[in-house]
PDB file of N, CA and C in Angstrom:
ATOM      1  N   UNK A   1      32.197  -6.959  -4.636  1.00  0.00           N
ATOM      2  CA  UNK A   1      31.063  -7.886  -5.725  1.00  0.00           C
ATOM      3  C   UNK A   1      30.248  -7.000  -6.401  1.00  0.00           C
ATOM      4  N   UNK A   2      29.780  -5.984  -5.324  1.00  0.00           N
ATOM      5  CA  UNK A   2      28.064  -5.111  -5.089  1.00  0.00           C
ATOM      6  C   UNK A   2      28.499  -3.686  -6.300  1.00  0.00           C
ATOM      7  N   UNK A   3      30.044  -3.216  -6.145  1.00  0.00           N
ATOM      8  CA  UNK A   3      30.973  -2.037  -6.938  1.00  0.00           C
ATOM      9  C   UNK A   3      30.785  -3.161  -8.244  1.00  0.00           C
ATOM     10  N   UNK A   4      31.609  -4.207  -8.305  1.00  0.00           N
ATOM     11  CA  UNK A   4      31.770  -5.410 -10.262  1.00  0.00           C
ATOM     12  C   UNK A   4      29.952  -5.234 -10.940  1.00  0.00           C
ATOM     13  N   UNK A   5      29.074  -5.894  -9.808  1.00  0.00           N
ATOM     14  CA  UNK A   5      27.626  -5.312 -10.382  1.00  0.00           C
ATOM     15  C   UNK A   5      27.166  -4.587 -10.913  1.00  0.00           C
ATOM     16  N   UNK A   6      27.876  -3.136 -10.640  1.00  0.00           N
ATOM     17  CA  UNK A   6      27.294  -2.309 -10.738  1.00  0.00           C
ATOM     18  C   UNK A   6      26.026  -1.585  -9.957  1.00  0.00           C
ATOM     19  N   UNK A   7      25.870  -1.976  -8.685  1.00  0.00           N
ATOM     20  CA  UNK A   7      24.718  -1.475  -7.974  1.00  0.00           C
ATOM     21  C   UNK A   7      25.432  -0.756  -6.411  1.00  0.00           C
ATOM     22  N   UNK A   8      24.359   0.818  -6.315  1.00  0.00           N
ATOM     23  CA  UNK A   8      24.416   1.354  -5.313  1.00  0.00           C
ATOM     24  C   UNK A   8      24.055   0.658  -4.052  1.00  0.00           C
ATOM     25  N   UNK A   9      25.415   1.148  -2.601  1.00  0.00           N
ATOM     26  CA  UNK A   9      25.203   0.692  -1.519  1.00  0.00           C
ATOM     27  C   UNK A   9      23.935   1.124  -1.069  1.00  0.00           C
ATOM     28  N   UNK A  10      23.020   0.155  -0.271  1.00  0.00           N
ATOM     29  CA  UNK A  10      21.001   0.336   0.373  1.00  0.00           C
ATOM     30  C   UNK A  10      21.003   0.743   1.536  1.00  0.00           C
ATOM     31  N   UNK A  11      20.980   1.663   1.923  1.00  0.00           N
ATOM     32  CA  UNK A  11      20.609   1.934   3.026  1.00  0.00           C
ATOM     33  C   UNK A  11      19.333   1.530   4.646  1.00  0.00           C
ATOM     34  N   UNK A  12      19.189   1.140   5.780  1.00  0.00           N
ATOM     35  CA  UNK A  12      17.832   0.599   6.253  1.00  0.00           C
ATOM     36  C   UNK A  12      16.503   1.667   5.947  1.00  0.00           C
ATOM     37  N   UNK A  13      17.464   3.201   5.978  1.00  0.00           N
ATOM     38  CA  UNK A  13      16.431   3.633   5.115  1.00  0.00           C
ATOM     39  C   UNK A  13      15.639   4.006   3.803  1.00  0.00           C
ATOM     40  N   UNK A  14      16.179   3.078   3.220  1.00  0.00           N
ATOM     41  CA  UNK A  14      16.224   2.799   1.605  1.00  0.00           C
ATOM     42  C   UNK A  14      14.735   1.710   1.756  1.00  0.00           C
ATOM     43  N   UNK A  15      15.320   0.985   2.421  1.00  0.00           N
ATOM     44  CA  UNK A  15      13.876  -0.134   2.979  1.00  0.00           C
ATOM     45  C   UNK A  15      13.049   0.017   3.405  1.00  0.00           C
ATOM     46  N   UNK A  16      13.414   1.237   4.357  1.00  0.00           N
ATOM     47  CA  UNK A  16      11.875   1.796   4.313  1.00  0.00           C
ATOM     48  C   UNK A  16      10.848   1.967   3.499  1.00  0.00           C
ATOM     49  N   UNK A  17      11.687   3.323   2.542  1.00  0.00           N
ATOM     50  CA  UNK A  17      10.718   3.678   1.187  1.00  0.00           C
ATOM     51  C   UNK A  17      10.137   2.542   0.585  1.00  0.00           C
ATOM     52  N   UNK A  18      11.137   1.400   0.488  1.00  0.00           N
ATOM     53  CA  UNK A  18      10.588   0.014  -0.160  1.00  0.00           C
ATOM     54  C   UNK A  18       9.573  -0.663   0.081  1.00  0.00           C
ATOM     55  N   UNK A  19       9.998  -0.253   1.457  1.00  0.00           N
ATOM     56  CA  UNK A  19       8.389  -0.878   2.542  1.00  0.00           C
ATOM     57  C   UNK A  19       7.371  -0.157   2.513  1.00  0.00           C
ATOM     58  N   UNK A  20       7.025   1.213   1.940  1.00  0.00           N
ATOM     59  CA  UNK A  20       5.997   2.241   1.864  1.00  0.00           C
ATOM     60  C   UNK A  20       5.495   1.979   0.691  1.00  0.00           C
ATOM     61  N   UNK A  21       6.622   1.900  -0.168  1.00  0.00           N
ATOM     62  CA  UNK A  21       5.661   1.551  -1.416  1.00  0.00           C
ATOM     63  C   UNK A  21       5.450   0.867  -2.031  1.00  0.00           C
ATOM     64  N   UNK A  22       5.531  -0.062  -1.153  1.00  0.00           N
ATOM     65  CA  UNK A  22       5.042  -2.287  -1.755  1.00  0.00           C
ATOM     66  C   UNK A  22       3.566  -1.955  -1.085  1.00  0.00           C
ATOM     67  N   UNK A  23       3.992  -1.627   0.151  1.00  0.00           N
ATOM     68  CA  UNK A  23       2.304  -1.904   1.027  1.00  0.00           C
ATOM     69  C   UNK A  23       1.833  -0.901   0.075  1.00  0.00           C
ATOM     70  N   UNK A  24       1.728  -0.112   0.067  1.00  0.00           N
ATOM     71  CA  UNK A  24       1.159   1.029  -1.018  1.00  0.00           C
ATOM     72  C   UNK A  24       0.312   0.615  -2.688  1.00  0.00           C
ATOM     73  N   UNK A  25       1.373  -0.063  -3.260  1.00  0.00           N
ATOM     74  CA  UNK A  25       0.847  -0.593  -4.955  1.00  0.00           C
ATOM     75  C   UNK A  25      -0.086  -2.188  -4.545  1.00  0.00           C
ATOM     76  N   UNK A  26       0.675  -2.761  -3.633  1.00  0.00           N
ATOM     77  CA  UNK A  26      -0.923  -3.938  -3.214  1.00  0.00           C
ATOM     78  C   UNK A  26      -2.137  -3.707  -2.835  1.00  0.00           C
ATOM     79  N   UNK A  27      -2.036  -1.646  -2.459  1.00  0.00           N
ATOM     80  CA  UNK A  27      -3.342  -1.437  -2.637  1.00  0.00           C
ATOM     81  C   UNK A  27      -3.607  -1.799  -0.844  1.00  0.00           C
ATOM     82  N   UNK A  28      -2.712  -1.768  -0.409  1.00  0.00           N
ATOM     83  CA  UNK A  28      -2.551  -2.189   1.618  1.00  0.00           C
ATOM     84  C   UNK A  28      -2.965   0.207   1.683  1.00  0.00           C
ATOM     85  N   UNK A  29      -3.609  -0.073   3.091  1.00  0.00           N
ATOM     86  CA  UNK A  29      -4.117   1.356   2.917  1.00  0.00           C
ATOM     87  C   UNK A  29      -3.125   2.010   3.620  1.00  0.00           C
ATOM     88  N   UNK A  30      -2.091   3.533   3.493  1.00  0.00           N
ATOM     89  CA  UNK A  30      -1.677   4.150   3.958  1.00  0.00           C
ATOM     90  C   UNK A  30      -1.323   4.769   5.518  1.00  0.00           C
ATOM     91  N   UNK A  31      -2.389   3.796   6.238  1.00  0.00           N
ATOM     92  CA  UNK A  31      -2.553   4.172   7.444  1.00  0.00           C
ATOM     93  C   UNK A  31      -1.659   3.106   7.764  1.00  0.00           C
ATOM     94  N   UNK A  32      -2.172   2.116   7.004  1.00  0.00           N
ATOM     95  CA  UNK A  32      -0.856   1.028   7.830  1.00  0.00           C
ATOM     96  C   UNK A  32       1.124   1.135   7.455  1.00  0.00           C
ATOM     97  N   UNK A  33       0.780   1.319   6.225  1.00  0.00           N
ATOM     98  CA  UNK A  33       1.775   1.697   5.879  1.00  0.00           C
ATOM     99  C   UNK A  33       2.634   2.513   7.126  1.00  0.00           C
ATOM    100  N   UNK A  34       2.444   3.780   7.443  1.00  0.00           N
ATOM    101  CA  UNK A  34       2.410   4.912   9.158  1.00  0.00           C
ATOM    102  C   UNK A  34       2.560   4.191   9.902  1.00  0.00           C
ATOM    103  N   UNK A  35       1.523   3.600  10.570  1.00  0.00           N
ATOM    104  CA  UNK A  35       1.963   2.867  11.758  1.00  0.00           C
ATOM    105  C   UNK A  35       2.835   2.117  11.041  1.00  0.00           C
ATOM    106  N   UNK A  36       2.581   0.922  10.402  1.00  0.00           N
ATOM    107  CA  UNK A  36       4.732   0.506  10.558  1.00  0.00           C
ATOM    108  C   UNK A  36       5.552   0.915  10.188  1.00  0.00           C
ATOM    109  N   UNK A  37       5.818   2.180  10.007  1.00  0.00           N
ATOM    110  CA  UNK A  37       6.953   3.041  10.058  1.00  0.00           C
ATOM    111  C   UNK A  37       7.051   3.460  11.324  1.00  0.00           C
ATOM    112  N   UNK A  38       6.218   4.117  12.065  1.00  0.00           N
ATOM    113  CA  UNK A  38       6.567   4.471  13.195  1.00  0.00           C
ATOM    114  C   UNK A  38       6.026   6.686  12.449  1.00  0.00           C
ATOM    115  N   UNK A  39       5.595   6.438  11.811  1.00  0.00           N
ATOM    116  CA  UNK A  39       5.220   8.119  11.922  1.00  0.00           C
ATOM    117  C   UNK A  39       3.684   8.486  12.130  1.00  0.00           C
ATOM    118  N   UNK A  40       4.282  10.125  12.284  1.00  0.00           N
ATOM    119  CA  UNK A  40       3.465  10.804  12.741  1.00  0.00           C
ATOM    120  C   UNK A  40       2.822  10.791  12.178  1.00  0.00           C
ATOM    121  N   UNK A  41       3.027  11.634  10.890  1.00  0.00           N
ATOM    122  CA  UNK A  41       1.773  12.191  10.006  1.00  0.00           C
ATOM    123  C   UNK A  41       1.334  11.071   9.177  1.00  0.00           C
ATOM    124  N   UNK A  42       0.101  10.904   8.151  1.00  0.00           N
ATOM    125  CA  UNK A  42       0.248  10.586   8.098  1.00  0.00           C
ATOM    126  C   UNK A  42       0.315  11.163   5.758  1.00  0.00           C
ATOM    127  N   UNK A  43       1.014  12.951   6.059  1.00  0.00           N
ATOM    128  CA  UNK A  43       1.417  12.564   4.581  1.00  0.00           C
ATOM    129  C   UNK A  43       3.118  12.814   4.887  1.00  0.00           C
ATOM    130  N   UNK A  44       3.826  11.987   5.466  1.00  0.00           N
ATOM    131  CA  UNK A  44       4.810  11.609   5.747  1.00  0.00           C
ATOM    132  C   UNK A  44       4.988  11.116   4.550  1.00  0.00           C
ATOM    133  N   UNK A  45       4.545   9.804   4.485  1.00  0.00           N
ATOM    134  CA  UNK A  45       4.193   8.168   4.526  1.00  0.00           C
ATOM    135  C   UNK A  45       3.438   8.587   2.779  1.00  0.00           C
ATOM    136  N   UNK A  46       3.000   9.557   2.547  1.00  0.00           N
ATOM    137  CA  UNK A  46       2.245   9.518   1.655  1.00  0.00           C
ATOM    138  C   UNK A  46       3.371  10.359   0.403  1.00  0.00           C
ATOM    139  N   UNK A  47       3.881  11.747   0.951  1.00  0.00           N
ATOM    140  CA  UNK A  47       4.961  12.194   0.664  1.00  0.00           C
ATOM    141  C   UNK A  47       6.015  11.850   0.485  1.00  0.00           C
ATOM    142  N   UNK A  48       6.168  11.021   1.339  1.00  0.00           N
ATOM    143  CA  UNK A  48       8.325  10.840   1.284  1.00  0.00           C
ATOM    144  C   UNK A  48       8.303   9.705   0.936  1.00  0.00           C
ATOM    145  N   UNK A  49       7.708   8.901   1.457  1.00  0.00           N
ATOM    146  CA  UNK A  49       7.742   7.957   1.460  1.00  0.00           C
ATOM    147  C   UNK A  49       7.538   6.408   0.521  1.00  0.00           C
ATOM    148  N   UNK A  50       6.433   6.758  -0.089  1.00  0.00           N
ATOM    149  CA  UNK A  50       5.996   5.780  -1.063  1.00  0.00           C
ATOM    150  C   UNK A  50       5.753   6.045  -1.595  1.00  0.00           C
ATOM    151  N   UNK A  51       6.278   5.663  -3.475  1.00  0.00           N
ATOM    152  CA  UNK A  51       6.222   6.298  -4.542  1.00  0.00           C
ATOM    153  C   UNK A  51       5.981   5.225  -5.050  1.00  0.00           C
ATOM    154  N   UNK A  52       5.706   6.320  -5.983  1.00  0.00           N
ATOM    155  CA  UNK A  52       4.502   5.341  -7.591  1.00  0.00           C
ATOM    156  C   UNK A  52       5.860   4.178  -8.660  1.00  0.00           C
ATOM    157  N   UNK A  53       5.143   2.979  -9.085  1.00  0.00           N
ATOM    158  CA  UNK A  53       5.269   2.135  -9.820  1.00  0.00           C
ATOM    159  C   UNK A  53       5.662   2.077 -10.623  1.00  0.00           C
ATOM    160  N   UNK A  54       6.084   3.026 -11.983  1.00  0.00           N
ATOM    161  CA  UNK A  54       5.677   2.414 -13.472  1.00  0.00           C
ATOM    162  C   UNK A  54       5.360   2.249 -13.630  1.00  0.00           C
ATOM    163  N   UNK A  55       5.528   0.804 -13.414  1.00  0.00           N
ATOM    164  CA  UNK A  55       4.820  -0.056 -14.626  1.00  0.00           C
ATOM    165  C   UNK A  55       3.335  -0.296 -13.392  1.00  0.00           C
ATOM    166  N   UNK A  56       3.281  -0.049 -12.193  1.00  0.00           N
ATOM    167  CA  UNK A  56       1.385  -0.021 -11.463  1.00  0.00           C
ATOM    168  C   UNK A  56       1.106   1.091 -12.229  1.00  0.00           C
ATOM    169  N   UNK A  57       1.649   2.252 -12.416  1.00  0.00           N
ATOM    170  CA  UNK A  57       0.776   3.110 -13.025  1.00  0.00           C
ATOM    171  C   UNK A  57       0.122   3.330 -14.598  1.00  0.00           C
ATOM    172  N   UNK A  58       0.913   2.049 -15.351  1.00  0.00           N
ATOM    173  CA  UNK A  58       0.795   2.065 -16.771  1.00  0.00           C
ATOM    174  C   UNK A  58      -0.606   1.005 -16.566  1.00  0.00           C
ATOM    175  N   UNK A  59      -0.749  -0.405 -15.589  1.00  0.00           N
ATOM    176  CA  UNK A  59      -1.582  -0.976 -15.798  1.00  0.00           C
ATOM    177  C   UNK A  59      -2.619  -0.093 -15.559  1.00  0.00           C
ATOM    178  N   UNK A  60      -2.418   0.275 -14.100  1.00  0.00           N
ATOM    179  CA  UNK A  60      -3.648   0.958 -13.737  1.00  0.00           C
ATOM    180  C   UNK A  60      -4.996   2.014 -15.214  1.00  0.00           C
ATOM    181  N   UNK A  61      -4.137   2.578 -16.153  1.00  0.00           N
ATOM    182  CA  UNK A  61      -4.061   3.446 -16.792  1.00  0.00           C
ATOM    183  C   UNK A  61      -5.168   2.388 -18.041  1.00  0.00           C
ATOM    184  N   UNK A  62      -4.338   1.041 -18.270  1.00  0.00           N
ATOM    185  CA  UNK A  62      -5.361   0.671 -19.208  1.00  0.00           C
ATOM    186  C   UNK A  62      -6.631  -0.466 -18.093  1.00  0.00           C
ATOM    187  N   UNK A  63      -6.987  -0.235 -17.172  1.00  0.00           N
ATOM    188  CA  UNK A  63      -7.559  -0.881 -16.564  1.00  0.00           C
ATOM    189  C   UNK A  63      -8.552   0.338 -16.198  1.00  0.00           C
ATOM    190  N   UNK A  64      -8.778   1.721 -15.598  1.00  0.00           N
ATOM    191  CA  UNK A  64      -9.008   2.894 -16.616  1.00  0.00           C
ATOM    192  C   UNK A  64     -10.112   3.011 -17.882  1.00  0.00           C
ATOM    193  N   UNK A  65      -9.246   2.159 -18.637  1.00  0.00           N
ATOM    194  CA  UNK A  65      -9.678   2.486 -20.140  1.00  0.00           C
ATOM    195  C   UNK A  65     -10.551   1.001 -20.869  1.00  0.00           C
ATOM    196  N   UNK A  66     -10.170   0.244 -20.232  1.00  0.00           N
ATOM    197  CA  UNK A  66     -11.436  -1.044 -19.987  1.00  0.00           C
ATOM    198  C   UNK A  66     -12.526  -0.602 -19.577  1.00  0.00           C
ATOM    199  N   UNK A  67     -12.318  -0.499 -18.507  1.00  0.00           N
ATOM    200  CA  UNK A  67     -13.683   0.223 -17.549  1.00  0.00           C
ATOM    201  C   UNK A  67     -15.470   1.887 -17.986  1.00  0.00           C
ATOM    202  N   UNK A  68     -13.593   2.589 -19.146  1.00  0.00           N
ATOM    203  CA  UNK A  68     -14.998   3.005 -19.689  1.00  0.00           C
ATOM    204  C   UNK A  68     -14.598   2.171 -21.208  1.00  0.00           C
ATOM    205  N   UNK A  69     -14.513   1.545 -21.558  1.00  0.00           N
ATOM    206  CA  UNK A  69     -14.520   1.365 -22.880  1.00  0.00           C
ATOM    207  C   UNK A  69     -14.262   1.624 -24.298  1.00  0.00           C
ATOM    208  N   UNK A  70     -12.780   1.854 -23.199  1.00  0.00           N
ATOM    209  CA  UNK A  70     -11.899   1.975 -24.891  1.00  0.00           C
ATOM    210  C   UNK A  70     -10.817   0.609 -25.063  1.00  0.00           C
ATOM    211  N   UNK A  71     -10.425   0.633 -25.552  1.00  0.00           N
ATOM    212  CA  UNK A  71      -9.703  -0.444 -26.961  1.00  0.00           C
ATOM    213  C   UNK A  71      -8.646   0.263 -26.364  1.00  0.00           C
ATOM    214  N   UNK A  72      -7.439  -0.838 -25.812  1.00  0.00           N
ATOM    215  CA  UNK A  72      -6.146   0.183 -26.275  1.00  0.00           C
ATOM    216  C   UNK A  72      -5.871   0.187 -27.988  1.00  0.00           C
ATOM    217  N   UNK A  73      -5.529   0.880 -28.406  1.00  0.00           N
ATOM    218  CA  UNK A  73      -5.618   1.816 -29.516  1.00  0.00           C
ATOM    219  C   UNK A  73      -5.094   2.935 -30.049  1.00  0.00           C
ATOM    220  N   UNK A  74      -3.704   2.569 -30.619  1.00  0.00           N
ATOM    221  CA  UNK A  74      -2.730   3.471 -30.553  1.00  0.00           C
ATOM    222  C   UNK A  74      -2.740   5.050 -31.438  1.00  0.00           C
ATOM    223  N   UNK A  75      -3.935   4.762 -31.831  1.00  0.00           N
ATOM    224  CA  UNK A  75      -4.401   6.041 -33.198  1.00  0.00           C
ATOM    225  C   UNK A  75      -6.084   7.028 -32.022  1.00  0.00           C
ATOM    226  N   UNK A  76      -5.840   6.054 -30.742  1.00  0.00           N
ATOM    227  CA  UNK A  76      -7.223   6.791 -29.660  1.00  0.00           C
ATOM    228  C   UNK A  76      -8.547   6.486 -30.360  1.00  0.00           C
ATOM    229  N   UNK A  77      -9.363   7.612 -29.219  1.00  0.00           N
ATOM    230  CA  UNK A  77     -10.796   6.631 -29.732  1.00  0.00           C
ATOM    231  C   UNK A  77     -11.256   7.617 -30.966  1.00  0.00           C
ATOM    232  N   UNK A  78     -11.728   6.411 -31.374  1.00  0.00           N
ATOM    233  CA  UNK A  78     -12.989   7.082 -32.818  1.00  0.00           C
ATOM    234  C   UNK A  78     -14.370   7.939 -32.169  1.00  0.00           C
ATOM    235  N   UNK A  79     -14.663   8.818 -33.031  1.00  0.00           N
ATOM    236  CA  UNK A  79     -15.513   9.924 -31.918  1.00  0.00           C
ATOM    237  C   UNK A  79     -16.964   9.603 -33.162  1.00  0.00           C
ATOM    238  N   UNK A  80     -18.134   9.794 -33.034  1.00  0.00           N
ATOM    239  CA  UNK A  80     -19.519   9.709 -33.902  1.00  0.00           C
ATOM    240  C   UNK A  80     -20.177   9.963 -33.372  1.00  0.00           C
ATOM    241  N   UNK A  81     -20.786  11.537 -35.001  1.00  0.00           N
ATOM    242  CA  UNK A  81     -22.341  12.359 -34.052  1.00  0.00           C
ATOM    243  C   UNK A  81     -22.957  10.903 -34.373  1.00  0.00           C
ATOM    244  N   UNK A  82     -24.341  10.910 -33.692  1.00  0.00           N
ATOM    245  CA  UNK A  82     -25.468  10.553 -32.852  1.00  0.00           C
ATOM    246  C   UNK A  82     -26.336  11.660 -33.208  1.00  0.00           C
ATOM    247  N   UNK A  83     -26.654  12.243 -34.494  1.00  0.00           N
ATOM    248  CA  UNK A  83     -28.384  13.611 -35.142  1.00  0.00           C
ATOM    249  C   UNK A  83     -29.191  13.633 -34.263  1.00  0.00           C
ATOM    250  N   UNK A  84     -29.707  12.097 -34.437  1.00  0.00           N
ATOM    251  CA  UNK A  84     -30.565  12.461 -33.369  1.00  0.00           C
ATOM    252  C   UNK A  84     -30.479  11.991 -31.638  1.00  0.00           C
ATOM    253  N   UNK A  85     -29.615  11.972 -31.014  1.00  0.00           N
ATOM    254  CA  UNK A  85     -29.281  12.641 -29.721  1.00  0.00           C
ATOM    255  C   UNK A  85     -28.596  14.092 -29.271  1.00  0.00           C
ATOM    256  N   UNK A  86     -28.460  14.582 -31.066  1.00  0.00           N
ATOM    257  CA  UNK A  86     -27.232  15.808 -30.369  1.00  0.00           C
ATOM    258  C   UNK A  86     -26.104  15.464 -29.958  1.00  0.00           C
ATOM    259  N   UNK A  87     -25.254  14.731 -29.948  1.00  0.00           N
ATOM    260  CA  UNK A  87     -24.818  14.647 -28.751  1.00  0.00           C
ATOM    261  C   UNK A  87     -23.675  13.430 -29.207  1.00  0.00           C
ATOM    262  N   UNK A  88     -22.148  13.239 -28.799  1.00  0.00           N
ATOM    263  CA  UNK A  88     -21.182  12.756 -29.481  1.00  0.00           C
ATOM    264  C   UNK A  88     -21.734  10.910 -28.622  1.00  0.00           C
ATOM    265  N   UNK A  89     -21.018  10.275 -29.522  1.00  0.00           N
ATOM    266  CA  UNK A  89     -20.616   8.806 -28.516  1.00  0.00           C
ATOM    267  C   UNK A  89     -18.749   8.172 -29.249  1.00  0.00           C
ATOM    268  N   UNK A  90     -18.713   7.823 -27.890  1.00  0.00           N
ATOM    269  CA  UNK A  90     -16.990   7.330 -28.550  1.00  0.00           C
ATOM    270  C   UNK A  90     -17.209   5.779 -28.247  1.00  0.00           C
ATOM    271  N   UNK A  91     -16.933   5.600 -29.263  1.00  0.00           N
ATOM    272  CA  UNK A  91     -17.014   4.670 -29.725  1.00  0.00           C
ATOM    273  C   UNK A  91     -15.395   3.405 -29.773  1.00  0.00           C
TER     274      UNK A  91
END
């Protein structure tokens, strides 16, 4: 059935990676995943087991844009000179 659906085989080790990745994506401290997975080193959890989820990465960029006042605009931010301050503002 799995082969007919074109799915690869998953091991328990794959589920450990998924566990760390989902905890990280949910905002749980990596120390929590480290403890649950039994890693002696936090770097093992962070660098090997916890992976970036692309949709979460895009969502983080959108949140950052809103936080700094950018609207999602494919033409990019607009820079306008403000002579009295001798600086630039971003609109």
